[in-house]
């Protein structure tokens, strides 16, 4: 979506996606502009979905690390 220095947060990307969808829903636009907005919205949606997948993987990793302790099987001092 953007280079690593200007990477959008999930919240920023979601807000931009929201604005684009509102624009498509509430504005009579020329076809070309509608297609451009739709294309950008699709890219933002894909970006958001990838970000969510990354967060999900991180959460799963944390859970896998903590699962033995949560189940009383691990030694927290180890």
C-alpha atoms as a PDB file:
ATOM      1  CA  UNK A   1       0.000   0.000   0.000  1.00  0.00           C
ATOM      2  CA  UNK A   2       2.521   2.573   1.135  1.00  0.00           C
ATOM      3  CA  UNK A   3       6.244   2.364   1.703  1.00  0.00           C
ATOM      4  CA  UNK A   4       7.400   1.235   5.138  1.00  0.00           C
ATOM      5  CA  UNK A   5       8.154   4.786   6.328  1.00  0.00           C
ATOM      6  CA  UNK A   6       4.627   5.968   5.541  1.00  0.00           C
ATOM      7  CA  UNK A   7       2.809   2.787   6.496  1.00  0.00           C
ATOM      8  CA  UNK A   8      -0.791   3.400   7.446  1.00  0.00           C
ATOM      9  CA  UNK A   9      -2.111   2.105  10.707  1.00  0.00           C
ATOM     10  CA  UNK A  10      -5.090  -0.203  10.515  1.00  0.00           C
ATOM     11  CA  UNK A  11      -7.208   2.594  11.953  1.00  0.00           C
ATOM     12  CA  UNK A  12      -6.018   5.104   9.348  1.00  0.00           C
ATOM     13  CA  UNK A  13      -6.621   2.676   6.500  1.00  0.00           C
ATOM     14  CA  UNK A  14     -10.081   1.894   7.874  1.00  0.00           C
ATOM     15  CA  UNK A  15     -10.941   5.575   8.092  1.00  0.00           C
ATOM     16  CA  UNK A  16      -9.796   6.152   4.507  1.00  0.00           C
ATOM     17  CA  UNK A  17     -11.791   3.141   3.363  1.00  0.00           C
ATOM     18  CA  UNK A  18     -14.854   4.466   5.162  1.00  0.00           C
ATOM     19  CA  UNK A  19     -14.479   7.850   3.478  1.00  0.00           C
ATOM     20  CA  UNK A  20     -14.138   6.259   0.032  1.00  0.00           C
ATOM     21  CA  UNK A  21     -17.216   4.089   0.556  1.00  0.00           C
ATOM     22  CA  UNK A  22     -19.225   7.118   1.706  1.00  0.00           C
ATOM     23  CA  UNK A  23     -18.109   9.003  -1.352  1.00  0.00           C
ATOM     24  CA  UNK A  24     -19.222   6.187  -3.635  1.00  0.00           C
ATOM     25  CA  UNK A  25     -22.560   5.821  -1.854  1.00  0.00           C
ATOM     26  CA  UNK A  26     -23.451   9.490  -1.486  1.00  0.00           C
ATOM     27  CA  UNK A  27     -22.054  11.185  -4.558  1.00  0.00           C
ATOM     28  CA  UNK A  28     -22.977  11.098  -8.222  1.00  0.00           C
ATOM     29  CA  UNK A  29     -19.554  10.595  -9.776  1.00  0.00           C
ATOM     30  CA  UNK A  30     -18.387  10.109 -13.331  1.00  0.00           C
ATOM     31  CA  UNK A  31     -17.760   6.444 -14.125  1.00  0.00           C
ATOM     32  CA  UNK A  32     -13.979   6.854 -14.400  1.00  0.00           C
ATOM     33  CA  UNK A  33     -13.739   8.508 -10.980  1.00  0.00           C
ATOM     34  CA  UNK A  34     -15.991   5.836  -9.473  1.00  0.00           C
ATOM     35  CA  UNK A  35     -13.738   3.109 -10.837  1.00  0.00           C
ATOM     36  CA  UNK A  36     -10.639   4.850  -9.464  1.00  0.00           C
ATOM     37  CA  UNK A  37     -12.212   5.210  -6.012  1.00  0.00           C
ATOM     38  CA  UNK A  38     -13.432   1.611  -6.103  1.00  0.00           C
ATOM     39  CA  UNK A  39      -9.944   0.387  -7.036  1.00  0.00           C
ATOM     40  CA  UNK A  40      -8.352   2.362  -4.217  1.00  0.00           C
ATOM     41  CA  UNK A  41     -10.987   1.053  -1.783  1.00  0.00           C
ATOM     42  CA  UNK A  42     -10.240  -2.538  -2.844  1.00  0.00           C
ATOM     43  CA  UNK A  43      -6.529  -1.985  -2.232  1.00  0.00           C
ATOM     44  CA  UNK A  44      -7.229  -0.493   1.187  1.00  0.00           C
ATOM     45  CA  UNK A  45      -9.517  -3.398   2.051  1.00  0.00           C
ATOM     46  CA  UNK A  46      -6.816  -5.900   1.074  1.00  0.00           C
ATOM     47  CA  UNK A  47      -4.312  -3.966   3.180  1.00  0.00           C
ATOM     48  CA  UNK A  48      -6.682  -3.995   6.174  1.00  0.00           C
ATOM     49  CA  UNK A  49      -7.304  -7.705   5.805  1.00  0.00           C
ATOM     50  CA  UNK A  50      -3.559  -8.398   5.718  1.00  0.00           C
ATOM     51  CA  UNK A  51      -3.012  -6.247   8.797  1.00  0.00           C
ATOM     52  CA  UNK A  52      -5.748  -8.112  10.654  1.00  0.00           C
ATOM     53  CA  UNK A  53      -4.162 -11.443   9.650  1.00  0.00           C
ATOM     54  CA  UNK A  54      -0.801 -10.227  10.970  1.00  0.00           C
ATOM     55  CA  UNK A  55      -2.358  -9.189  14.289  1.00  0.00           C
ATOM     56  CA  UNK A  56      -4.152 -12.517  14.488  1.00  0.00           C
ATOM     57  CA  UNK A  57      -0.867 -14.401  13.967  1.00  0.00           C
ATOM     58  CA  UNK A  58       0.792 -12.329  16.686  1.00  0.00           C
ATOM     59  CA  UNK A  59      -2.083 -12.997  19.088  1.00  0.00           C
ATOM     60  CA  UNK A  60      -1.975 -16.719  18.338  1.00  0.00           C
ATOM     61  CA  UNK A  61       1.765 -16.752  18.954  1.00  0.00           C
ATOM     62  CA  UNK A  62       1.331 -15.030  22.320  1.00  0.00           C
ATOM     63  CA  UNK A  63      -1.436 -17.433  23.262  1.00  0.00           C
ATOM     64  CA  UNK A  64       0.687 -20.464  22.294  1.00  0.00           C
ATOM     65  CA  UNK A  65       3.503 -19.125  24.455  1.00  0.00           C
ATOM     66  CA  UNK A  66       1.215 -18.496  27.417  1.00  0.00           C
ATOM     67  CA  UNK A  67      -1.065 -21.547  27.060  1.00  0.00           C
ATOM     68  CA  UNK A  68       0.997 -23.828  29.328  1.00  0.00           C
ATOM     69  CA  UNK A  69       0.969 -21.194  32.076  1.00  0.00           C
ATOM     70  CA  UNK A  70      -2.725 -20.543  31.648  1.00  0.00           C
ATOM     71  CA  UNK A  71      -3.394 -24.276  31.931  1.00  0.00           C
ATOM     72  CA  UNK A  72      -1.211 -24.565  35.056  1.00  0.00           C
ATOM     73  CA  UNK A  73       1.344 -26.727  33.236  1.00  0.00           C
ATOM     74  CA  UNK A  74       4.237 -24.292  32.885  1.00  0.00           C
ATOM     75  CA  UNK A  75       6.742 -22.958  35.355  1.00  0.00           C
ATOM     76  CA  UNK A  76       6.584 -19.150  35.247  1.00  0.00           C
ATOM     77  CA  UNK A  77      10.099 -19.015  36.748  1.00  0.00           C
ATOM     78  CA  UNK A  78      11.667 -21.014  33.913  1.00  0.00           C
END
